[in-house]
C-alpha atoms as a PDB file:
ATOM      1  CA  MET A   1       5.636  -4.983  -7.978  1.00  0.00           C
ATOM      2  CA  ALA A   2       9.235  -5.636  -8.953  1.00  0.00           C
ATOM      3  CA  LEU A   3      11.873  -5.023  -6.296  1.00  0.00           C
ATOM      4  CA  GLN A   4      15.182  -4.353  -7.996  1.00  0.00           C
ATOM      5  CA  LYS A   5      18.431  -5.289  -6.285  1.00  0.00           C
ATOM      6  CA  VAL A   6      20.495  -2.105  -6.160  1.00  0.00           C
ATOM      7  CA  SER A   7      23.192  -3.594  -3.909  1.00  0.00           C
ATOM      8  CA  ASP A   8      23.512  -6.589  -1.583  1.00  0.00           C
ATOM      9  CA  ARG A   9      21.317  -4.895   1.008  1.00  0.00           C
ATOM     10  CA  ILE A  10      19.440  -2.154  -0.869  1.00  0.00           C
ATOM     11  CA  TYR A  11      16.348  -2.851  -2.960  1.00  0.00           C
ATOM     12  CA  ALA A  12      13.970  -0.527  -4.793  1.00  0.00           C
ATOM     13  CA  ASP A  13      10.614  -0.660  -6.557  1.00  0.00           C
ATOM     14  CA  THR A  14      10.895   1.813  -9.432  1.00  0.00           C
ATOM     15  CA  ASP A  15       8.359   0.582 -12.003  1.00  0.00           C
ATOM     16  CA  GLY A  16       5.938   3.409 -11.243  1.00  0.00           C
ATOM     17  CA  LYS A  17       2.846   1.220 -10.814  1.00  0.00           C
ATOM     18  CA  ASN A  18       2.462   2.342  -7.197  1.00  0.00           C
ATOM     19  CA  GLY A  19       2.998   6.065  -7.576  1.00  0.00           C
ATOM     20  CA  GLY A  20       6.355   7.078  -6.145  1.00  0.00           C
ATOM     21  CA  ASN A  21       9.318   4.754  -5.784  1.00  0.00           C
ATOM     22  CA  LEU A  22       9.919   2.890  -2.562  1.00  0.00           C
ATOM     23  CA  GLY A  23      12.774   0.801  -1.226  1.00  0.00           C
ATOM     24  CA  ALA A  24      14.130  -1.449   1.477  1.00  0.00           C
ATOM     25  CA  VAL A  25      17.465  -1.269   3.292  1.00  0.00           C
ATOM     26  CA  ILE A  26      18.554  -4.498   4.981  1.00  0.00           C
ATOM     27  CA  LEU A  27      20.497  -3.709   8.151  1.00  0.00           C
ATOM     28  CA  ASP A  28      22.094  -6.134  10.636  1.00  0.00           C
ATOM     29  CA  ASP A  29      19.057  -6.536  12.864  1.00  0.00           C
ATOM     30  CA  GLU A  30      16.170  -4.820  11.068  1.00  0.00           C
ATOM     31  CA  ILE A  31      14.810  -3.591   7.751  1.00  0.00           C
ATOM     32  CA  VAL A  32      14.187   0.090   7.096  1.00  0.00           C
ATOM     33  CA  MET A  33      11.741   0.976   4.322  1.00  0.00           C
ATOM     34  CA  VAL A  34      12.110   4.222   2.393  1.00  0.00           C
ATOM     35  CA  ASP A  35       8.768   5.645   1.216  1.00  0.00           C
ATOM     36  CA  SER A  36       5.627   3.545   0.904  1.00  0.00           C
ATOM     37  CA  GLY A  37       3.989   4.105  -2.472  1.00  0.00           C
ATOM     38  CA  MET A  38       0.412   5.288  -2.892  1.00  0.00           C
ATOM     39  CA  VAL A  39      -1.730   2.127  -2.955  1.00  0.00           C
ATOM     40  CA  HIS A  40      -1.419   0.152   0.262  1.00  0.00           C
ATOM     41  CA  ASN A  41      -2.727  -3.015  -1.394  1.00  0.00           C
ATOM     42  CA  LEU A  42       0.204  -2.898  -3.815  1.00  0.00           C
ATOM     43  CA  SER A  43       2.611  -1.959  -1.038  1.00  0.00           C
ATOM     44  CA  ARG A  44       1.535  -5.105   0.826  1.00  0.00           C
ATOM     45  CA  LYS A  45       3.045  -7.142  -2.012  1.00  0.00           C
ATOM     46  CA  VAL A  46       6.361  -5.441  -1.318  1.00  0.00           C
ATOM     47  CA  ARG A  47       5.887  -6.181   2.374  1.00  0.00           C
ATOM     48  CA  GLN A  48       5.171  -9.833   1.608  1.00  0.00           C
ATOM     49  CA  TYR A  49       8.284 -10.146  -0.577  1.00  0.00           C
ATOM     50  CA  VAL A  50      10.495  -8.559   2.056  1.00  0.00           C
ATOM     51  CA  ASP A  51       9.030 -10.722   4.818  1.00  0.00           C
ATOM     52  CA  GLU A  52       9.523 -13.906   2.796  1.00  0.00           C
ATOM     53  CA  THR A  53      13.016 -13.057   1.560  1.00  0.00           C
ATOM     54  CA  PHE A  54      14.737 -11.634   4.625  1.00  0.00           C
ATOM     55  CA  ALA A  55      14.539 -13.061   8.132  1.00  0.00           C
ATOM     56  CA  LEU A  56      14.407  -9.629   9.748  1.00  0.00           C
ATOM     57  CA  PRO A  57      11.582  -7.400  10.964  1.00  0.00           C
ATOM     58  CA  ILE A  58      10.565  -4.147   9.295  1.00  0.00           C
ATOM     59  CA  LEU A  59      10.880  -1.737  12.214  1.00  0.00           C
ATOM     60  CA  LYS A  60      11.115   1.670  10.535  1.00  0.00           C
ATOM     61  CA  LEU A  61       9.684   3.497   7.543  1.00  0.00           C
ATOM     62  CA  VAL A  62      11.323   6.738   6.390  1.00  0.00           C
ATOM     63  CA  ILE A  63       9.073   8.975   4.294  1.00  0.00           C
ATOM     64  CA  THR A  64      11.020  11.465   2.201  1.00  0.00           C
ATOM     65  CA  HIS A  65       8.227  14.012   1.806  1.00  0.00           C
ATOM     66  CA  SER A  66       4.527  14.665   2.263  1.00  0.00           C
ATOM     67  CA  HIS A  67       3.042  13.815  -1.136  1.00  0.00           C
ATOM     68  CA  SER A  68       0.351  11.150  -1.149  1.00  0.00           C
ATOM     69  CA  ASP A  69       2.122   8.881  -3.638  1.00  0.00           C
ATOM     70  CA  HIS A  70       4.881   8.392  -1.047  1.00  0.00           C
ATOM     71  CA  VAL A  71       2.684   8.401   2.085  1.00  0.00           C
ATOM     72  CA  PHE A  72      -0.601   6.591   1.470  1.00  0.00           C
ATOM     73  CA  GLY A  73       0.915   3.096   1.285  1.00  0.00           C
ATOM     74  CA  ALA A  74       2.311   3.284   4.825  1.00  0.00           C
ATOM     75  CA  GLN A  75      -0.367   1.165   6.494  1.00  0.00           C
ATOM     76  CA  ALA A  76       0.978  -1.851   4.577  1.00  0.00           C
ATOM     77  CA  PHE A  77       4.010  -1.828   6.856  1.00  0.00           C
ATOM     78  CA  ASP A  78       2.178  -1.723  10.192  1.00  0.00           C
ATOM     79  CA  PRO A  79       3.326  -1.983  12.902  1.00  0.00           C
ATOM     80  CA  THR A  80       6.363   0.187  12.336  1.00  0.00           C
ATOM     81  CA  SER A  81       7.804   3.527  13.402  1.00  0.00           C
ATOM     82  CA  ILE A  82       7.374   6.195  10.741  1.00  0.00           C
ATOM     83  CA  ILE A  83      10.108   8.786  10.355  1.00  0.00           C
ATOM     84  CA  GLY A  84       9.966  12.178   8.695  1.00  0.00           C
ATOM     85  CA  SER A  85      11.189  15.735   9.107  1.00  0.00           C
ATOM     86  CA  VAL A  86       9.394  18.119  11.439  1.00  0.00           C
ATOM     87  CA  ASP A  87       8.214  20.184   8.482  1.00  0.00           C
ATOM     88  CA  MET A  88       7.024  17.095   6.645  1.00  0.00           C
ATOM     89  CA  ARG A  89       4.873  16.061   9.613  1.00  0.00           C
ATOM     90  CA  LYS A  90       3.407  19.577   9.920  1.00  0.00           C
ATOM     91  CA  VAL A  91       2.281  19.453   6.291  1.00  0.00           C
ATOM     92  CA  CYS A  92       0.769  15.996   6.838  1.00  0.00           C
ATOM     93  CA  GLU A  93      -1.134  17.243   9.880  1.00  0.00           C
ATOM     94  CA  SER A  94      -2.520  20.124   7.861  1.00  0.00           C
ATOM     95  CA  ASN A  95      -3.482  17.810   4.994  1.00  0.00           C
ATOM     96  CA  LEU A  96      -5.390  15.497   7.354  1.00  0.00           C
ATOM     97  CA  SER A  97      -7.776  18.339   8.176  1.00  0.00           C
ATOM     98  CA  GLY A  98      -8.286  19.276   4.524  1.00  0.00           C
ATOM     99  CA  GLN A  99      -7.229  17.633   1.287  1.00  0.00           C
ATOM    100  CA  TRP A 100      -6.637  14.236   2.940  1.00  0.00           C
ATOM    101  CA  LYS A 101     -10.175  13.873   4.215  1.00  0.00           C
ATOM    102  CA  ILE A 102     -11.571  10.791   2.519  1.00  0.00           C
ATOM    103  CA  ASP A 103     -14.303  12.664   0.630  1.00  0.00           C
ATOM    104  CA  ALA A 104     -11.731  15.105  -0.736  1.00  0.00           C
ATOM    105  CA  ILE A 105      -9.452  12.246  -1.801  1.00  0.00           C
ATOM    106  CA  ARG A 106     -12.335  10.511  -3.569  1.00  0.00           C
ATOM    107  CA  GLU A 107     -13.135  13.679  -5.520  1.00  0.00           C
ATOM    108  CA  TYR A 108      -9.487  14.007  -6.502  1.00  0.00           C
ATOM    109  CA  VAL A 109      -9.161  10.384  -7.605  1.00  0.00           C
ATOM    110  CA  LYS A 110     -12.589  10.047  -9.276  1.00  0.00           C
ATOM    111  CA  PRO A 111     -11.430  11.261 -12.733  1.00  0.00           C
ATOM    112  CA  VAL A 112      -8.906   8.383 -12.937  1.00  0.00           C
ATOM    113  CA  LYS A 113     -10.880   5.657 -11.146  1.00  0.00           C
ATOM    114  CA  ASP A 114     -11.346   3.656 -14.378  1.00  0.00           C
ATOM    115  CA  GLU A 115      -7.730   4.154 -15.392  1.00  0.00           C
ATOM    116  CA  ARG A 116      -6.439   3.250 -11.930  1.00  0.00           C
ATOM    117  CA  PRO A 117      -9.037   0.940 -10.337  1.00  0.00           C
ATOM    118  CA  GLU A 118      -6.588  -0.341  -7.725  1.00  0.00           C
ATOM    119  CA  LEU A 119      -6.153   3.212  -6.418  1.00  0.00           C
ATOM    120  CA  TRP A 120      -9.885   3.823  -6.315  1.00  0.00           C
ATOM    121  CA  THR A 121     -10.659   0.607  -4.420  1.00  0.00           C
ATOM    122  CA  SER A 122      -7.804   1.225  -1.971  1.00  0.00           C
ATOM    123  CA  LEU A 123      -9.738   4.207  -0.616  1.00  0.00           C
ATOM    124  CA  ASP A 124     -12.318   1.854   0.915  1.00  0.00           C
ATOM    125  CA  ASP A 125     -10.029   1.025   3.819  1.00  0.00           C
ATOM    126  CA  LEU A 126      -7.313   3.684   3.571  1.00  0.00           C
ATOM    127  CA  GLU A 127      -5.788   4.649   6.923  1.00  0.00           C
ATOM    128  CA  ILE A 128      -3.275   7.460   6.525  1.00  0.00           C
ATOM    129  CA  ARG A 129      -0.150   7.145   8.664  1.00  0.00           C
ATOM    130  CA  ILE A 130       2.125  10.103   9.382  1.00  0.00           C
ATOM    131  CA  PRO A 131       5.495  10.292  11.199  1.00  0.00           C
ATOM    132  CA  ASP A 132       5.661   9.518  14.895  1.00  0.00           C
ATOM    133  CA  ILE A 133       9.444  10.089  14.940  1.00  0.00           C
ATOM    134  CA  VAL A 134      10.567  13.486  13.657  1.00  0.00           C
ATOM    135  CA  PHE A 135      13.877  15.295  13.234  1.00  0.00           C
ATOM    136  CA  ASP A 136      14.872  18.899  12.561  1.00  0.00           C
ATOM    137  CA  ASN A 137      17.943  18.473  10.372  1.00  0.00           C
ATOM    138  CA  ARG A 138      19.472  14.999  10.409  1.00  0.00           C
ATOM    139  CA  LEU A 139      18.795  11.563  11.872  1.00  0.00           C
ATOM    140  CA  LEU A 140      21.181   8.584  12.015  1.00  0.00           C
ATOM    141  CA  LEU A 141      19.837   5.031  11.799  1.00  0.00           C
ATOM    142  CA  GLY A 142      21.337   1.552  12.121  1.00  0.00           C
ATOM    143  CA  ARG A 143      23.580  -0.154  14.666  1.00  0.00           C
ATOM    144  CA  GLU A 144      26.608   1.371  12.953  1.00  0.00           C
ATOM    145  CA  LYS A 145      24.795   4.620  12.092  1.00  0.00           C
ATOM    146  CA  GLU A 146      25.122   3.670   8.448  1.00  0.00           C
ATOM    147  CA  MET A 147      21.935   5.416   7.336  1.00  0.00           C
ATOM    148  CA  THR A 148      21.597   9.194   7.381  1.00  0.00           C
ATOM    149  CA  VAL A 149      18.250  10.905   6.842  1.00  0.00           C
ATOM    150  CA  GLN A 150      18.977  14.521   5.906  1.00  0.00           C
ATOM    151  CA  LEU A 151      16.533  17.400   5.474  1.00  0.00           C
ATOM    152  CA  VAL A 152      17.220  19.300   2.246  1.00  0.00           C
ATOM    153  CA  GLY A 153      13.902  20.923   1.319  1.00  0.00           C
ATOM    154  CA  GLY A 154      13.359  22.164  -2.209  1.00  0.00           C
ATOM    155  CA  HIS A 155      10.732  19.921  -3.794  1.00  0.00           C
ATOM    156  CA  THR A 156       8.698  20.482  -0.624  1.00  0.00           C
ATOM    157  CA  ILE A 157       9.539  22.244   2.629  1.00  0.00           C
ATOM    158  CA  GLY A 158      10.082  18.907   4.373  1.00  0.00           C
ATOM    159  CA  SER A 159      11.881  16.929   1.659  1.00  0.00           C
ATOM    160  CA  SER A 160      14.701  14.655   2.844  1.00  0.00           C
ATOM    161  CA  ILE A 161      17.272  12.351   1.304  1.00  0.00           C
ATOM    162  CA  VAL A 162      18.471   9.019   2.713  1.00  0.00           C
ATOM    163  CA  VAL A 163      22.163   8.085   2.415  1.00  0.00           C
ATOM    164  CA  ILE A 164      23.435   4.540   2.992  1.00  0.00           C
ATOM    165  CA  GLU A 165      27.106   3.849   3.688  1.00  0.00           C
ATOM    166  CA  PRO A 166      29.526   2.303   2.865  1.00  0.00           C
ATOM    167  CA  GLU A 167      27.623   1.601  -0.369  1.00  0.00           C
ATOM    168  CA  HIS A 168      27.458   5.377  -0.917  1.00  0.00           C
ATOM    169  CA  ILE A 169      23.953   5.111  -2.370  1.00  0.00           C
ATOM    170  CA  VAL A 170      21.224   7.712  -1.882  1.00  0.00           C
ATOM    171  CA  PHE A 171      17.437   7.838  -2.046  1.00  0.00           C
ATOM    172  CA  VAL A 172      16.678  11.403  -3.164  1.00  0.00           C
ATOM    173  CA  GLY A 173      12.881  11.305  -3.164  1.00  0.00           C
ATOM    174  CA  ASP A 174      11.303  13.707  -5.620  1.00  0.00           C
ATOM    175  CA  LEU A 175      14.391  15.843  -6.062  1.00  0.00           C
ATOM    176  CA  ILE A 176      14.691  13.669  -9.181  1.00  0.00           C
ATOM    177  CA  PHE A 177      11.979  12.591 -11.653  1.00  0.00           C
ATOM    178  CA  ASN A 178      14.053  10.351 -13.906  1.00  0.00           C
ATOM    179  CA  GLY A 179      12.395  10.191 -17.324  1.00  0.00           C
ATOM    180  CA  SER A 180       9.586  12.670 -16.713  1.00  0.00           C
ATOM    181  CA  PHE A 181       8.862  16.348 -16.158  1.00  0.00           C
ATOM    182  CA  PRO A 182       9.261  17.116 -12.432  1.00  0.00           C
ATOM    183  CA  TYR A 183       6.347  18.256 -10.321  1.00  0.00           C
ATOM    184  CA  ALA A 184       7.563  21.570  -8.934  1.00  0.00           C
ATOM    185  CA  GLY A 185       4.260  23.225  -8.126  1.00  0.00           C
ATOM    186  CA  ASP A 186       3.870  22.293  -4.475  1.00  0.00           C
ATOM    187  CA  PRO A 187       2.904  25.406  -2.448  1.00  0.00           C
ATOM    188  CA  THR A 188       5.996  24.901  -0.272  1.00  0.00           C
ATOM    189  CA  CYS A 189       8.397  24.244  -3.159  1.00  0.00           C
ATOM    190  CA  ASP A 190      11.549  26.385  -2.909  1.00  0.00           C
ATOM    191  CA  PRO A 191      13.353  26.294  -6.284  1.00  0.00           C
ATOM    192  CA  ASP A 192      16.572  27.744  -4.846  1.00  0.00           C
ATOM    193  CA  ARG A 193      16.777  25.079  -2.130  1.00  0.00           C
ATOM    194  CA  TRP A 194      15.990  22.403  -4.716  1.00  0.00           C
ATOM    195  CA  ILE A 195      18.890  23.519  -6.868  1.00  0.00           C
ATOM    196  CA  MET A 196      21.225  23.744  -3.860  1.00  0.00           C
ATOM    197  CA  GLY A 197      20.143  20.301  -2.678  1.00  0.00           C
ATOM    198  CA  LEU A 198      20.896  18.759  -6.053  1.00  0.00           C
ATOM    199  CA  GLU A 199      24.260  20.514  -6.150  1.00  0.00           C
ATOM    200  CA  ARG A 200      25.110  18.857  -2.811  1.00  0.00           C
ATOM    201  CA  VAL A 201      24.022  15.473  -4.153  1.00  0.00           C
ATOM    202  CA  GLU A 202      26.101  15.999  -7.290  1.00  0.00           C
ATOM    203  CA  ALA A 203      29.173  16.994  -5.259  1.00  0.00           C
ATOM    204  CA  ALA A 204      28.889  13.838  -3.122  1.00  0.00           C
ATOM    205  CA  GLU A 205      29.345  11.650  -6.243  1.00  0.00           C
ATOM    206  CA  TYR A 206      27.095   8.824  -5.043  1.00  0.00           C
ATOM    207  CA  GLU A 207      27.601   5.422  -6.628  1.00  0.00           C
ATOM    208  CA  GLN A 208      23.886   5.116  -7.427  1.00  0.00           C
ATOM    209  CA  ILE A 209      20.903   7.432  -7.042  1.00  0.00           C
ATOM    210  CA  ILE A 210      17.399   6.143  -6.376  1.00  0.00           C
ATOM    211  CA  PRO A 211      14.966   8.857  -7.504  1.00  0.00           C
ATOM    212  CA  GLY A 212      11.414   9.463  -6.365  1.00  0.00           C
ATOM    213  CA  HIS A 213      10.184   8.516  -9.837  1.00  0.00           C
ATOM    214  CA  GLY A 214      11.841   6.555 -12.601  1.00  0.00           C
ATOM    215  CA  PRO A 215      14.740   4.087 -12.738  1.00  0.00           C
ATOM    216  CA  VAL A 216      17.920   4.134 -10.668  1.00  0.00           C
ATOM    217  CA  CYS A 217      20.331   6.660 -12.144  1.00  0.00           C
ATOM    218  CA  GLY A 218      23.715   8.328 -11.820  1.00  0.00           C
ATOM    219  CA  GLN A 219      25.428  11.689 -12.090  1.00  0.00           C
ATOM    220  CA  ASP A 220      24.161  12.405 -15.602  1.00  0.00           C
ATOM    221  CA  GLU A 221      20.590  12.629 -14.357  1.00  0.00           C
ATOM    222  CA  ILE A 222      21.574  15.040 -11.589  1.00  0.00           C
ATOM    223  CA  ALA A 223      23.247  17.256 -14.179  1.00  0.00           C
ATOM    224  CA  ARG A 224      20.206  17.090 -16.456  1.00  0.00           C
ATOM    225  CA  HIS A 225      17.864  18.172 -13.661  1.00  0.00           C
ATOM    226  CA  LEU A 226      20.209  20.934 -12.531  1.00  0.00           C
ATOM    227  CA  ASP A 227      20.443  22.306 -16.071  1.00  0.00           C
ATOM    228  CA  PHE A 228      16.666  22.312 -16.410  1.00  0.00           C
ATOM    229  CA  LEU A 229      15.855  23.820 -13.013  1.00  0.00           C
ATOM    230  CA  SER A 230      18.559  26.490 -13.286  1.00  0.00           C
ATOM    231  CA  ALA A 231      17.471  27.458 -16.797  1.00  0.00           C
ATOM    232  CA  LEU A 232      13.817  27.577 -15.734  1.00  0.00           C
ATOM    233  CA  LYS A 233      14.705  29.845 -12.820  1.00  0.00           C
ATOM    234  CA  GLU A 234      16.554  32.318 -15.038  1.00  0.00           C
ATOM    235  CA  ARG A 235      13.859  32.331 -17.727  1.00  0.00           C
ATOM    236  CA  ILE A 236      11.101  32.960 -15.218  1.00  0.00           C
ATOM    237  CA  LYS A 237      13.031  35.771 -13.535  1.00  0.00           C
ATOM    238  CA  HIS A 238      13.563  37.336 -16.972  1.00  0.00           C
ATOM    239  CA  ALA A 239       9.868  36.843 -17.822  1.00  0.00           C
ATOM    240  CA  LEU A 240       8.890  38.677 -14.645  1.00  0.00           C
ATOM    241  CA  VAL A 241      11.027  41.636 -15.669  1.00  0.00           C
ATOM    242  CA  GLU A 242       9.239  41.627 -19.043  1.00  0.00           C
ATOM    243  CA  GLY A 243       5.858  41.505 -17.316  1.00  0.00           C
ATOM    244  CA  LEU A 244       4.777  38.153 -18.732  1.00  0.00           C
ATOM    245  CA  THR A 245       2.159  35.951 -17.109  1.00  0.00           C
ATOM    246  CA  PRO A 246       2.544  32.180 -16.626  1.00  0.00           C
ATOM    247  CA  GLU A 247       0.109  31.652 -19.505  1.00  0.00           C
ATOM    248  CA  GLU A 248       2.153  33.884 -21.812  1.00  0.00           C
ATOM    249  CA  PHE A 249       5.348  32.161 -20.714  1.00  0.00           C
ATOM    250  CA  LEU A 250       3.958  28.811 -21.814  1.00  0.00           C
ATOM    251  CA  GLU A 251       2.333  30.177 -24.973  1.00  0.00           C
ATOM    252  CA  LYS A 252       5.718  31.547 -26.032  1.00  0.00           C
ATOM    253  CA  ASP A 253       7.205  28.070 -25.459  1.00  0.00           C
ATOM    254  CA  LEU A 254       9.796  29.399 -23.005  1.00  0.00           C
ATOM    255  CA  LEU A 255      10.140  26.186 -21.017  1.00  0.00           C
ATOM    256  CA  PRO A 256      13.703  24.811 -21.229  1.00  0.00           C
ATOM    257  CA  ASP A 257      14.033  21.464 -22.988  1.00  0.00           C
ATOM    258  CA  HIS A 258      13.329  18.547 -20.676  1.00  0.00           C
ATOM    259  CA  TYR A 259      11.376  15.304 -20.573  1.00  0.00           C
ATOM    260  CA  ALA A 260       8.026  15.520 -22.360  1.00  0.00           C
ATOM    261  CA  GLU A 261       6.352  12.846 -20.237  1.00  0.00           C
ATOM    262  CA  GLY A 262       4.239  14.523 -17.578  1.00  0.00           C
ATOM    263  CA  ALA A 263       4.738  18.040 -18.938  1.00  0.00           C
ATOM    264  CA  ASP A 264       1.072  18.362 -19.882  1.00  0.00           C
ATOM    265  CA  ARG A 265       0.052  17.657 -16.268  1.00  0.00           C
ATOM    266  CA  ARG A 266       2.796  19.454 -14.371  1.00  0.00           C
ATOM    267  CA  SER A 267       4.165  22.361 -16.385  1.00  0.00           C
ATOM    268  CA  TYR A 268       1.461  24.935 -15.629  1.00  0.00           C
ATOM    269  CA  SER A 269       1.398  24.382 -11.859  1.00  0.00           C
ATOM    270  CA  THR A 270       5.196  24.487 -11.854  1.00  0.00           C
ATOM    271  CA  VAL A 271       5.458  27.708 -13.846  1.00  0.00           C
ATOM    272  CA  GLU A 272       2.636  29.372 -11.898  1.00  0.00           C
ATOM    273  CA  HIS A 273       4.254  28.583  -8.538  1.00  0.00           C
ATOM    274  CA  TRP A 274       7.730  29.669  -9.674  1.00  0.00           C
ATOM    275  CA  PHE A 275       6.296  32.972 -10.957  1.00  0.00           C
ATOM    276  CA  ASP A 276       4.748  33.561  -7.532  1.00  0.00           C
ATOM    277  CA  PHE A 277       7.917  32.453  -5.730  1.00  0.00           C
ATOM    278  CA  TYR A 278      10.324  34.724  -7.623  1.00  0.00           C
ATOM    279  CA  LYS A 279       7.885  37.635  -7.621  1.00  0.00           C
ATOM    280  CA  ALA A 280       7.758  37.337  -3.830  1.00  0.00           C
ATOM    281  CA  VAL A 281      11.554  37.125  -3.647  1.00  0.00           C
ATOM    282  CA  GLY A 282      11.817  40.249  -5.804  1.00  0.00           C
ATOM    283  CA  ASP A 283       9.241  42.121  -3.744  1.00  0.00           C
ATOM    284  CA  SER A 284      11.075  41.261  -0.546  1.00  0.00           C
ATOM    285  CA  HIS A 285      14.154  43.064  -1.887  1.00  0.00           C
ATOM    286  CA  ALA A 286      12.277  46.074  -3.233  1.00  0.00           C
ATOM    287  CA  PRO A 287      12.857  49.445  -1.495  1.00  0.00           C
ATOM    288  CA  PRO A 288      10.107  50.558   0.922  1.00  0.00           C
END
């Protein structure tokens, strides 16, 4: 755990040892956490640092989206109110009755239990927390309403960003994977909304951007992701016209240039989902 000082009152853990990034925003009378990591035992170290460094209570935890590497660490911050979009909570509720059952999680994690022993042992007492405060579009936080939680969708149906003013700094969740190939294969991923969301972030010209994975970044990283996602969209739409399959797309090496790290794990699920997404979009505009 290494909390990085982003500004006088914004801190972030971006070293990747706990799954997704997480952060702390120090307000006048409380601390608001943003995302919780995946391993609650590691997240407790963040909690301990925050408790020892700032004489304020952690009263709220904003979770940007429903993936386990941003959700499963939440119990480390008990007791606190957990905030997420309506759609994000719906996905969490569905997951609790399926893929988030403890036996299912153990089967998923088992292949990496030797590589990530801290994750494996954390399952012994994992208690999954989901939002108890939800919002449809936007939620303002802080005495001066200096934090805005905004639903943008894209990466998942319930993905949100968190803007802090006057620092003009934003947590973008997994809209950005700085330094690695983005996971874009979630069943609810909407590539068009992802691109539009990043265009809005780019237009806002934030001073600093805290991604869901990787180090704090700036406008260049937004542009890099936009170039990749836009090029991937056009290539897949063209591949559909040619009648290619996802396997053929990858065999022909049609992926646009991007980060190599993570591509072996994420490229197929991404391409497969985007093929299905744009085929469905095309079918919806086909004549009866």
